[in-house]
Amino acid sequence: MPQGSQIVRFENMKNLMAKIDKLKGANPRLAEQASRNAAIGIANALKDEMVVYPPDRPEVRKRAWQLGGGFVSDKQRRWYFLMLKHNQLESPYRRKMSGGLTGAWTVRATRTGAVLGNSKDYAIFVQDHRNQSRIHRDSGWKTAHSPWMNAFLRKPFVMNLISGAVNNMFKRAGFT
């Protein structure tokens, strides 16, 4: 990246931080609303990324089961067979392109931000960094702590969401 664009980015961030500080001092509620609006936009964009199924990779499934079932822990293995026993899971598993794991992602606004979550009880084994099973990691399921997340947060549209939300509230507060 050329040095000039780093300087421009730094200057933009400096100006944005000055606007946020001025807005917080003059009207804390508008500052909270700007924060919430930006967070909702970012969370919705993250949701769009998290709902993408990785390509089906039968070779990964076969290798995982040969190596011990692809479970991270004995607790996870016990959960899987308990859910299977009570007809909470299908075997063999059939992908649901909507309404399954991907259909359960939600964005909920908070006072100053947003929360991205998934209501499926098995989501932690598929898309949670700490609990993701080996088979899902090897299949390419994204987690919030995957390397793609750092790249995602550095995309220009993320900064545009933040600066747009701050600038809108800045204007509502009567600042120029």
N, C-alpha and C. Protein backbone atom coordinates (compact mmCIF):
# COMPACT_ATOMS: atom_id res chain seq x y z
N MET A 1 0.85 -1.18 0.00
CA MET A 1 0.00 0.00 0.00
C MET A 1 0.89 1.23 0.00
N PRO A 2 0.64 2.20 -0.86
CA PRO A 2 1.46 3.41 -0.90
C PRO A 2 1.33 4.21 0.39
N GLN A 3 2.40 4.90 0.73
CA GLN A 3 2.43 5.70 1.95
C GLN A 3 1.32 6.74 1.97
N GLY A 4 1.01 7.34 0.83
CA GLY A 4 -0.01 8.39 0.76
C GLY A 4 -1.37 7.92 1.22
N SER A 5 -1.76 6.71 0.86
CA SER A 5 -3.09 6.26 1.26
C SER A 5 -3.15 5.96 2.75
N GLN A 6 -2.01 5.60 3.36
CA GLN A 6 -1.99 5.42 4.80
C GLN A 6 -2.22 6.75 5.50
N ILE A 7 -1.61 7.81 4.98
CA ILE A 7 -1.76 9.14 5.58
C ILE A 7 -3.21 9.60 5.45
N VAL A 8 -3.80 9.41 4.27
CA VAL A 8 -5.19 9.80 4.06
C VAL A 8 -6.10 9.03 5.02
N ARG A 9 -5.85 7.72 5.14
CA ARG A 9 -6.68 6.91 6.05
C ARG A 9 -6.54 7.41 7.48
N PHE A 10 -5.31 7.72 7.91
CA PHE A 10 -5.08 8.22 9.26
C PHE A 10 -5.78 9.56 9.47
N GLU A 11 -5.67 10.43 8.50
CA GLU A 11 -6.33 11.74 8.61
C GLU A 11 -7.85 11.58 8.69
N ASN A 12 -8.40 10.70 7.86
CA ASN A 12 -9.84 10.46 7.90
C ASN A 12 -10.26 9.96 9.28
N MET A 13 -9.49 9.05 9.85
CA MET A 13 -9.80 8.50 11.17
C MET A 13 -9.69 9.60 12.23
N LYS A 14 -8.69 10.44 12.12
CA LYS A 14 -8.50 11.54 13.07
C LYS A 14 -9.70 12.49 13.03
N ASN A 15 -10.14 12.85 11.83
CA ASN A 15 -11.31 13.73 11.68
C ASN A 15 -12.57 13.07 12.23
N LEU A 16 -12.72 11.79 11.95
CA LEU A 16 -13.88 11.06 12.42
C LEU A 16 -13.91 11.00 13.95
N MET A 17 -12.76 10.73 14.56
CA MET A 17 -12.69 10.69 16.02
C MET A 17 -13.02 12.05 16.64
N ALA A 18 -12.58 13.12 16.00
CA ALA A 18 -12.89 14.47 16.49
C ALA A 18 -14.40 14.72 16.43
N LYS A 19 -15.05 14.27 15.35
CA LYS A 19 -16.50 14.42 15.23
C LYS A 19 -17.22 13.61 16.30
N ILE A 20 -16.75 12.40 16.54
CA ILE A 20 -17.38 11.54 17.56
C ILE A 20 -17.26 12.20 18.93
N ASP A 21 -16.08 12.73 19.25
CA ASP A 21 -15.88 13.39 20.55
C ASP A 21 -16.79 14.61 20.69
N LYS A 22 -16.91 15.41 19.63
CA LYS A 22 -17.77 16.59 19.67
C LYS A 22 -19.23 16.18 19.84
N LEU A 23 -19.64 15.13 19.13
CA LEU A 23 -21.01 14.64 19.22
C LEU A 23 -21.31 14.09 20.61
N LYS A 24 -20.36 13.34 21.19
CA LYS A 24 -20.56 12.80 22.54
C LYS A 24 -20.74 13.91 23.56
N GLY A 25 -19.96 14.98 23.40
CA GLY A 25 -20.05 16.10 24.34
C GLY A 25 -21.35 16.87 24.20
N ALA A 26 -21.81 17.06 22.98
CA ALA A 26 -23.00 17.87 22.74
C ALA A 26 -24.29 17.09 22.88
N ASN A 27 -24.30 15.86 22.42
CA ASN A 27 -25.53 15.07 22.43
C ASN A 27 -25.21 13.58 22.52
N PRO A 28 -25.03 13.07 23.73
CA PRO A 28 -24.65 11.66 23.91
C PRO A 28 -25.62 10.68 23.25
N ARG A 29 -26.91 11.02 23.23
CA ARG A 29 -27.89 10.11 22.61
C ARG A 29 -27.66 9.96 21.12
N LEU A 30 -27.32 11.05 20.44
CA LEU A 30 -27.02 10.96 19.01
C LEU A 30 -25.73 10.18 18.78
N ALA A 31 -24.77 10.32 19.69
CA ALA A 31 -23.53 9.55 19.57
C ALA A 31 -23.84 8.06 19.72
N GLU A 32 -24.71 7.70 20.67
CA GLU A 32 -25.11 6.30 20.84
C GLU A 32 -25.84 5.79 19.59
N GLN A 33 -26.71 6.63 19.04
CA GLN A 33 -27.46 6.24 17.85
C GLN A 33 -26.51 6.04 16.66
N ALA A 34 -25.51 6.89 16.52
CA ALA A 34 -24.52 6.72 15.45
C ALA A 34 -23.78 5.40 15.61
N SER A 35 -23.38 5.12 16.84
CA SER A 35 -22.68 3.87 17.13
C SER A 35 -23.57 2.67 16.80
N ARG A 36 -24.82 2.72 17.23
CA ARG A 36 -25.76 1.63 16.98
C ARG A 36 -26.00 1.44 15.48
N ASN A 37 -26.21 2.55 14.74
CA ASN A 37 -26.47 2.44 13.31
C ASN A 37 -25.29 1.81 12.57
N ALA A 38 -24.07 2.24 12.92
CA ALA A 38 -22.88 1.67 12.28
C ALA A 38 -22.75 0.19 12.63
N ALA A 39 -22.97 -0.14 13.91
CA ALA A 39 -22.83 -1.54 14.34
C ALA A 39 -23.87 -2.44 13.67
N ILE A 40 -25.09 -1.95 13.50
CA ILE A 40 -26.12 -2.75 12.83
C ILE A 40 -25.72 -3.01 11.38
N GLY A 41 -25.21 -1.99 10.71
CA GLY A 41 -24.76 -2.17 9.32
C GLY A 41 -23.63 -3.18 9.21
N ILE A 42 -22.66 -3.08 10.12
CA ILE A 42 -21.53 -4.01 10.10
C ILE A 42 -22.00 -5.42 10.46
N ALA A 43 -22.87 -5.55 11.46
CA ALA A 43 -23.38 -6.87 11.86
C ALA A 43 -24.16 -7.52 10.73
N ASN A 44 -24.95 -6.74 10.01
CA ASN A 44 -25.69 -7.30 8.87
C ASN A 44 -24.75 -7.76 7.76
N ALA A 45 -23.68 -7.01 7.54
CA ALA A 45 -22.69 -7.42 6.54
C ALA A 45 -21.97 -8.70 6.99
N LEU A 46 -21.66 -8.79 8.28
CA LEU A 46 -21.05 -10.01 8.82
C LEU A 46 -22.01 -11.20 8.69
N LYS A 47 -23.26 -10.94 8.97
CA LYS A 47 -24.27 -12.00 8.84
C LYS A 47 -24.30 -12.53 7.41
N ASP A 48 -24.22 -11.63 6.44
CA ASP A 48 -24.21 -12.06 5.04
C ASP A 48 -23.03 -12.98 4.75
N GLU A 49 -21.91 -12.76 5.44
CA GLU A 49 -20.73 -13.63 5.26
C GLU A 49 -20.91 -14.97 5.98
N MET A 50 -21.47 -14.91 7.19
CA MET A 50 -21.58 -16.13 8.01
C MET A 50 -22.61 -17.12 7.47
N VAL A 51 -23.57 -16.65 6.69
CA VAL A 51 -24.61 -17.55 6.19
C VAL A 51 -24.19 -18.32 4.95
N VAL A 52 -23.01 -18.05 4.44
CA VAL A 52 -22.55 -18.74 3.23
C VAL A 52 -22.04 -20.13 3.60
N TYR A 53 -22.69 -21.14 3.03
CA TYR A 53 -22.23 -22.52 3.24
C TYR A 53 -20.93 -22.73 2.48
N PRO A 54 -19.96 -23.41 3.11
CA PRO A 54 -18.77 -23.76 2.33
C PRO A 54 -19.15 -24.85 1.32
N PRO A 55 -18.33 -25.03 0.28
CA PRO A 55 -18.65 -26.08 -0.69
C PRO A 55 -18.67 -27.45 -0.01
N ASP A 56 -19.53 -28.32 -0.48
CA ASP A 56 -19.60 -29.68 0.06
C ASP A 56 -18.29 -30.40 -0.26
N ARG A 57 -17.67 -30.99 0.74
CA ARG A 57 -16.39 -31.66 0.55
C ARG A 57 -16.45 -33.06 1.16
N PRO A 58 -16.98 -34.05 0.42
CA PRO A 58 -17.11 -35.41 0.94
C PRO A 58 -15.79 -36.01 1.43
N GLU A 59 -14.67 -35.63 0.80
CA GLU A 59 -13.37 -36.19 1.21
C GLU A 59 -13.01 -35.77 2.63
N VAL A 60 -13.44 -34.58 3.04
CA VAL A 60 -13.17 -34.11 4.40
C VAL A 60 -13.98 -34.93 5.40
N ARG A 61 -15.25 -35.15 5.08
CA ARG A 61 -16.10 -35.96 5.97
C ARG A 61 -15.53 -37.36 6.13
N LYS A 62 -15.15 -37.97 5.03
CA LYS A 62 -14.63 -39.34 5.08
C LYS A 62 -13.36 -39.41 5.94
N ARG A 63 -12.43 -38.47 5.72
CA ARG A 63 -11.19 -38.46 6.50
C ARG A 63 -11.46 -38.20 7.98
N ALA A 64 -12.39 -37.29 8.28
CA ALA A 64 -12.69 -36.96 9.68
C ALA A 64 -13.24 -38.19 10.42
N TRP A 65 -14.13 -38.91 9.79
CA TRP A 65 -14.70 -40.09 10.46
C TRP A 65 -13.67 -41.18 10.61
N GLN A 66 -12.74 -41.29 9.71
CA GLN A 66 -11.67 -42.28 9.84
C GLN A 66 -10.74 -41.93 10.99
N LEU A 67 -10.63 -40.63 11.30
CA LEU A 67 -9.73 -40.18 12.37
C LEU A 67 -10.43 -40.06 13.73
N GLY A 68 -11.63 -40.54 13.86
CA GLY A 68 -12.28 -40.51 15.17
C GLY A 68 -13.55 -39.69 15.22
N GLY A 69 -14.17 -39.44 14.12
CA GLY A 69 -15.48 -38.81 14.12
C GLY A 69 -15.49 -37.31 13.97
N GLY A 70 -14.36 -36.67 13.99
CA GLY A 70 -14.33 -35.22 13.78
C GLY A 70 -14.78 -34.41 14.98
N PHE A 71 -14.95 -35.05 16.13
CA PHE A 71 -15.38 -34.33 17.33
C PHE A 71 -14.20 -33.67 18.02
N VAL A 72 -14.43 -32.49 18.60
CA VAL A 72 -13.39 -31.78 19.34
C VAL A 72 -13.21 -32.42 20.72
N SER A 73 -14.30 -32.88 21.30
CA SER A 73 -14.23 -33.42 22.65
C SER A 73 -15.21 -34.57 22.82
N ASP A 74 -15.03 -35.29 23.91
CA ASP A 74 -15.96 -36.36 24.24
C ASP A 74 -17.35 -35.79 24.55
N LYS A 75 -17.37 -34.61 25.18
CA LYS A 75 -18.64 -33.94 25.47
C LYS A 75 -19.41 -33.66 24.18
N GLN A 76 -18.71 -33.19 23.14
CA GLN A 76 -19.35 -32.91 21.86
C GLN A 76 -19.88 -34.21 21.23
N ARG A 77 -19.10 -35.28 21.31
CA ARG A 77 -19.52 -36.57 20.76
C ARG A 77 -20.78 -37.06 21.48
N ARG A 78 -20.80 -36.94 22.81
CA ARG A 78 -21.98 -37.37 23.58
C ARG A 78 -23.20 -36.55 23.20
N TRP A 79 -23.04 -35.22 23.04
CA TRP A 79 -24.15 -34.35 22.64
C TRP A 79 -24.70 -34.80 21.30
N TYR A 80 -23.82 -35.07 20.35
CA TYR A 80 -24.25 -35.47 19.00
C TYR A 80 -25.11 -36.73 19.07
N PHE A 81 -24.65 -37.75 19.76
CA PHE A 81 -25.40 -39.00 19.79
C PHE A 81 -26.68 -38.89 20.62
N LEU A 82 -26.70 -38.04 21.63
CA LEU A 82 -27.92 -37.79 22.39
C LEU A 82 -28.98 -37.13 21.50
N MET A 83 -28.56 -36.09 20.74
CA MET A 83 -29.50 -35.43 19.82
C MET A 83 -29.98 -36.38 18.74
N LEU A 84 -29.10 -37.23 18.26
CA LEU A 84 -29.47 -38.22 17.24
C LEU A 84 -30.50 -39.19 17.81
N LYS A 85 -30.29 -39.64 19.05
CA LYS A 85 -31.19 -40.57 19.71
C LYS A 85 -32.60 -39.98 19.87
N HIS A 86 -32.68 -38.68 20.14
CA HIS A 86 -33.97 -38.02 20.35
C HIS A 86 -34.51 -37.34 19.10
N ASN A 87 -34.02 -37.79 17.94
CA ASN A 87 -34.49 -37.30 16.64
C ASN A 87 -34.35 -35.78 16.47
N GLN A 88 -33.34 -35.21 17.08
CA GLN A 88 -33.08 -33.78 16.92
C GLN A 88 -32.12 -33.51 15.76
N LEU A 89 -31.48 -34.57 15.27
CA LEU A 89 -30.56 -34.47 14.13
C LEU A 89 -30.91 -35.55 13.11
N GLU A 90 -30.63 -35.25 11.85
CA GLU A 90 -30.82 -36.25 10.81
C GLU A 90 -29.50 -36.96 10.56
N SER A 91 -29.59 -38.26 10.28
CA SER A 91 -28.40 -38.99 9.89
C SER A 91 -28.77 -39.90 8.73
N PRO A 92 -28.12 -39.84 7.60
CA PRO A 92 -27.03 -38.91 7.32
C PRO A 92 -27.58 -37.49 7.18
N TYR A 93 -26.72 -36.55 7.53
CA TYR A 93 -27.11 -35.14 7.50
C TYR A 93 -27.37 -34.67 6.07
N ARG A 94 -28.44 -33.92 5.90
CA ARG A 94 -28.76 -33.30 4.61
C ARG A 94 -28.73 -31.79 4.80
N ARG A 95 -27.98 -31.12 3.96
CA ARG A 95 -27.87 -29.67 4.06
C ARG A 95 -29.21 -29.00 3.82
N LYS A 96 -29.49 -28.00 4.65
CA LYS A 96 -30.67 -27.16 4.46
C LYS A 96 -30.13 -25.79 4.06
N MET A 97 -30.41 -25.38 2.86
CA MET A 97 -29.82 -24.13 2.37
C MET A 97 -30.49 -22.89 2.97
N SER A 98 -31.62 -23.05 3.61
CA SER A 98 -32.21 -21.94 4.36
C SER A 98 -33.04 -22.56 5.47
N GLY A 99 -33.16 -21.86 6.55
CA GLY A 99 -33.94 -22.36 7.66
C GLY A 99 -33.15 -23.22 8.61
N GLY A 100 -31.99 -23.70 8.20
CA GLY A 100 -31.12 -24.46 9.08
C GLY A 100 -30.23 -23.50 9.84
N LEU A 101 -28.96 -23.81 9.86
CA LEU A 101 -27.99 -22.97 10.56
C LEU A 101 -27.96 -21.55 9.98
N THR A 102 -27.96 -21.46 8.66
CA THR A 102 -27.85 -20.13 8.05
C THR A 102 -29.11 -19.29 8.28
N GLY A 103 -30.26 -19.92 8.38
CA GLY A 103 -31.49 -19.18 8.60
C GLY A 103 -31.68 -18.72 10.04
N ALA A 104 -30.79 -19.16 10.94
CA ALA A 104 -30.93 -18.83 12.36
C ALA A 104 -30.06 -17.66 12.79
N TRP A 105 -29.32 -17.04 11.86
CA TRP A 105 -28.50 -15.89 12.21
C TRP A 105 -29.39 -14.66 12.36
N THR A 106 -29.17 -13.91 13.42
CA THR A 106 -29.96 -12.70 13.68
C THR A 106 -29.05 -11.56 14.09
N VAL A 107 -29.52 -10.36 13.85
CA VAL A 107 -28.85 -9.15 14.32
C VAL A 107 -29.82 -8.44 15.26
N ARG A 108 -29.35 -8.17 16.47
CA ARG A 108 -30.19 -7.50 17.46
C ARG A 108 -29.50 -6.20 17.88
N ALA A 109 -30.25 -5.11 17.83
CA ALA A 109 -29.70 -3.81 18.23
C ALA A 109 -29.62 -3.73 19.75
N THR A 110 -28.54 -3.09 20.23
CA THR A 110 -28.41 -2.77 21.65
C THR A 110 -28.40 -1.24 21.75
N ARG A 111 -28.23 -0.72 22.95
CA ARG A 111 -28.27 0.73 23.11
C ARG A 111 -27.18 1.43 22.29
N THR A 112 -25.99 0.86 22.27
CA THR A 112 -24.90 1.51 21.57
C THR A 112 -24.26 0.65 20.49
N GLY A 113 -24.88 -0.46 20.14
CA GLY A 113 -24.27 -1.35 19.14
C GLY A 113 -25.25 -2.37 18.61
N ALA A 114 -24.72 -3.54 18.32
CA ALA A 114 -25.53 -4.63 17.79
C ALA A 114 -24.87 -5.96 18.17
N VAL A 115 -25.70 -6.99 18.25
CA VAL A 115 -25.22 -8.33 18.56
C VAL A 115 -25.61 -9.25 17.41
N LEU A 116 -24.63 -9.96 16.89
CA LEU A 116 -24.86 -10.96 15.85
C LEU A 116 -24.88 -12.31 16.54
N GLY A 117 -25.93 -13.07 16.34
CA GLY A 117 -26.03 -14.36 17.02
C GLY A 117 -26.73 -15.40 16.18
N ASN A 118 -26.68 -16.63 16.68
CA ASN A 118 -27.33 -17.75 16.01
C ASN A 118 -28.08 -18.54 17.07
N SER A 119 -29.35 -18.83 16.80
CA SER A 119 -30.20 -19.48 17.79
C SER A 119 -30.13 -21.01 17.77
N LYS A 120 -29.46 -21.59 16.80
CA LYS A 120 -29.36 -23.05 16.75
C LYS A 120 -28.39 -23.53 17.83
N ASP A 121 -28.81 -24.54 18.59
CA ASP A 121 -27.96 -25.02 19.68
C ASP A 121 -26.67 -25.67 19.18
N TYR A 122 -26.63 -26.14 17.98
CA TYR A 122 -25.43 -26.77 17.46
C TYR A 122 -24.49 -25.79 16.75
N ALA A 123 -24.87 -24.53 16.67
CA ALA A 123 -24.06 -23.53 15.94
C ALA A 123 -22.65 -23.41 16.51
N ILE A 124 -22.49 -23.58 17.82
CA ILE A 124 -21.15 -23.44 18.41
C ILE A 124 -20.18 -24.49 17.88
N PHE A 125 -20.70 -25.65 17.48
CA PHE A 125 -19.82 -26.71 16.98
C PHE A 125 -19.47 -26.50 15.51
N VAL A 126 -20.18 -25.60 14.86
CA VAL A 126 -19.95 -25.34 13.44
C VAL A 126 -19.22 -24.02 13.23
N GLN A 127 -19.63 -22.96 13.93
CA GLN A 127 -19.08 -21.64 13.62
C GLN A 127 -18.54 -20.87 14.81
N ASP A 128 -18.24 -21.54 15.91
CA ASP A 128 -17.62 -20.89 17.06
C ASP A 128 -16.14 -21.29 17.10
N HIS A 129 -15.26 -20.32 17.17
CA HIS A 129 -13.82 -20.57 17.08
C HIS A 129 -13.33 -21.57 18.13
N ARG A 130 -13.77 -21.42 19.37
CA ARG A 130 -13.27 -22.28 20.45
C ARG A 130 -13.85 -23.69 20.41
N ASN A 131 -15.08 -23.85 19.94
CA ASN A 131 -15.75 -25.15 20.00
C ASN A 131 -15.96 -25.82 18.65
N GLN A 132 -15.46 -25.21 17.59
CA GLN A 132 -15.70 -25.75 16.26
C GLN A 132 -15.10 -27.15 16.13
N SER A 133 -15.91 -28.07 15.62
CA SER A 133 -15.41 -29.43 15.44
C SER A 133 -14.42 -29.47 14.29
N ARG A 134 -13.56 -30.44 14.34
CA ARG A 134 -12.51 -30.60 13.33
C ARG A 134 -13.11 -30.71 11.93
N ILE A 135 -14.20 -31.46 11.80
CA ILE A 135 -14.80 -31.66 10.49
C ILE A 135 -15.30 -30.35 9.89
N HIS A 136 -15.85 -29.47 10.74
CA HIS A 136 -16.34 -28.18 10.23
C HIS A 136 -15.19 -27.22 9.93
N ARG A 137 -14.15 -27.27 10.74
CA ARG A 137 -12.97 -26.45 10.47
C ARG A 137 -12.35 -26.87 9.13
N ASP A 138 -12.18 -28.18 8.95
CA ASP A 138 -11.56 -28.68 7.72
C ASP A 138 -12.44 -28.47 6.50
N SER A 139 -13.75 -28.37 6.72
CA SER A 139 -14.68 -28.15 5.60
C SER A 139 -14.72 -26.70 5.14
N GLY A 140 -14.18 -25.80 5.96
CA GLY A 140 -14.13 -24.40 5.55
C GLY A 140 -15.20 -23.51 6.15
N TRP A 141 -15.87 -23.95 7.23
CA TRP A 141 -16.87 -23.09 7.87
C TRP A 141 -16.17 -21.90 8.52
N LYS A 142 -16.71 -20.72 8.31
CA LYS A 142 -16.14 -19.50 8.89
C LYS A 142 -16.52 -19.39 10.36
N THR A 143 -15.61 -18.81 11.13
CA THR A 143 -15.91 -18.44 12.51
C THR A 143 -15.60 -16.96 12.67
N ALA A 144 -16.06 -16.38 13.76
CA ALA A 144 -15.84 -14.95 13.98
C ALA A 144 -14.37 -14.64 14.20
N HIS A 145 -13.55 -15.63 14.47
CA HIS A 145 -12.12 -15.38 14.71
C HIS A 145 -11.26 -15.94 13.58
N SER A 146 -11.85 -16.24 12.46
CA SER A 146 -11.09 -16.72 11.30
C SER A 146 -10.27 -15.57 10.72
N PRO A 147 -9.21 -15.90 9.99
CA PRO A 147 -8.41 -14.84 9.36
C PRO A 147 -9.24 -13.92 8.45
N TRP A 148 -10.32 -14.43 7.85
CA TRP A 148 -11.13 -13.60 6.97
C TRP A 148 -11.74 -12.42 7.72
N MET A 149 -11.95 -12.57 9.04
CA MET A 149 -12.58 -11.51 9.82
C MET A 149 -11.71 -10.24 9.84
N ASN A 150 -10.41 -10.40 10.04
CA ASN A 150 -9.52 -9.23 10.03
C ASN A 150 -9.57 -8.52 8.69
N ALA A 151 -9.56 -9.29 7.62
CA ALA A 151 -9.64 -8.69 6.28
C ALA A 151 -10.99 -8.01 6.08
N PHE A 152 -12.04 -8.63 6.56
CA PHE A 152 -13.38 -8.07 6.43
C PHE A 152 -13.47 -6.70 7.11
N LEU A 153 -12.97 -6.60 8.33
CA LEU A 153 -13.07 -5.36 9.09
C LEU A 153 -12.21 -4.24 8.51
N ARG A 154 -11.27 -4.59 7.65
CA ARG A 154 -10.42 -3.58 7.01
C ARG A 154 -10.97 -3.12 5.66
N LYS A 155 -12.08 -3.68 5.23
CA LYS A 155 -12.65 -3.29 3.94
C LYS A 155 -13.14 -1.84 4.02
N PRO A 156 -12.99 -1.10 2.92
CA PRO A 156 -13.39 0.31 2.93
C PRO A 156 -14.87 0.52 3.28
N PHE A 157 -15.74 -0.39 2.91
CA PHE A 157 -17.16 -0.16 3.19
C PHE A 157 -17.45 -0.16 4.69
N VAL A 158 -16.62 -0.85 5.49
CA VAL A 158 -16.83 -0.85 6.95
C VAL A 158 -16.57 0.57 7.48
N MET A 159 -15.47 1.17 7.05
CA MET A 159 -15.18 2.55 7.46
C MET A 159 -16.26 3.49 6.93
N ASN A 160 -16.76 3.24 5.71
CA ASN A 160 -17.83 4.07 5.16
C ASN A 160 -19.11 3.97 5.99
N LEU A 161 -19.42 2.76 6.49
CA LEU A 161 -20.59 2.61 7.36
C LEU A 161 -20.44 3.45 8.63
N ILE A 162 -19.26 3.37 9.21
CA ILE A 162 -19.01 4.12 10.46
C ILE A 162 -19.05 5.62 10.20
N SER A 163 -18.33 6.08 9.18
CA SER A 163 -18.30 7.52 8.94
C SER A 163 -19.66 8.04 8.48
N GLY A 164 -20.40 7.24 7.72
CA GLY A 164 -21.75 7.65 7.30
C GLY A 164 -22.67 7.82 8.50
N ALA A 165 -22.62 6.87 9.44
CA ALA A 165 -23.48 6.95 10.62
C ALA A 165 -23.10 8.17 11.48
N VAL A 166 -21.81 8.40 11.65
CA VAL A 166 -21.36 9.55 12.45
C VAL A 166 -21.73 10.86 11.75
N ASN A 167 -21.49 10.94 10.45
CA ASN A 167 -21.80 12.17 9.71
C ASN A 167 -23.30 12.48 9.73
N ASN A 168 -24.13 11.47 9.61
CA ASN A 168 -25.59 11.68 9.66
C ASN A 168 -26.01 12.26 11.01
N MET A 169 -25.49 11.70 12.10
CA MET A 169 -25.85 12.19 13.43
C MET A 169 -25.24 13.57 13.67
N PHE A 170 -24.06 13.80 13.11
CA PHE A 170 -23.38 15.09 13.22
C PHE A 170 -24.26 16.19 12.61
N LYS A 171 -24.83 15.89 11.45
CA LYS A 171 -25.72 16.85 10.78
C LYS A 171 -27.02 17.02 11.57
N ARG A 172 -27.55 15.93 12.11
CA ARG A 172 -28.79 16.03 12.91
C ARG A 172 -28.59 16.89 14.13
N ALA A 173 -27.36 16.87 14.66
CA ALA A 173 -27.05 17.68 15.85
C ALA A 173 -26.87 19.15 15.48
N GLY A 174 -26.85 19.46 14.16
CA GLY A 174 -26.71 20.84 13.72
C GLY A 174 -25.29 21.29 13.50
N PHE A 175 -24.35 20.33 13.50
CA PHE A 175 -22.95 20.67 13.24
C PHE A 175 -22.69 20.61 11.74
N THR A 176 -21.63 21.27 11.32
CA THR A 176 -21.26 21.23 9.90
C THR A 176 -19.95 20.54 9.70
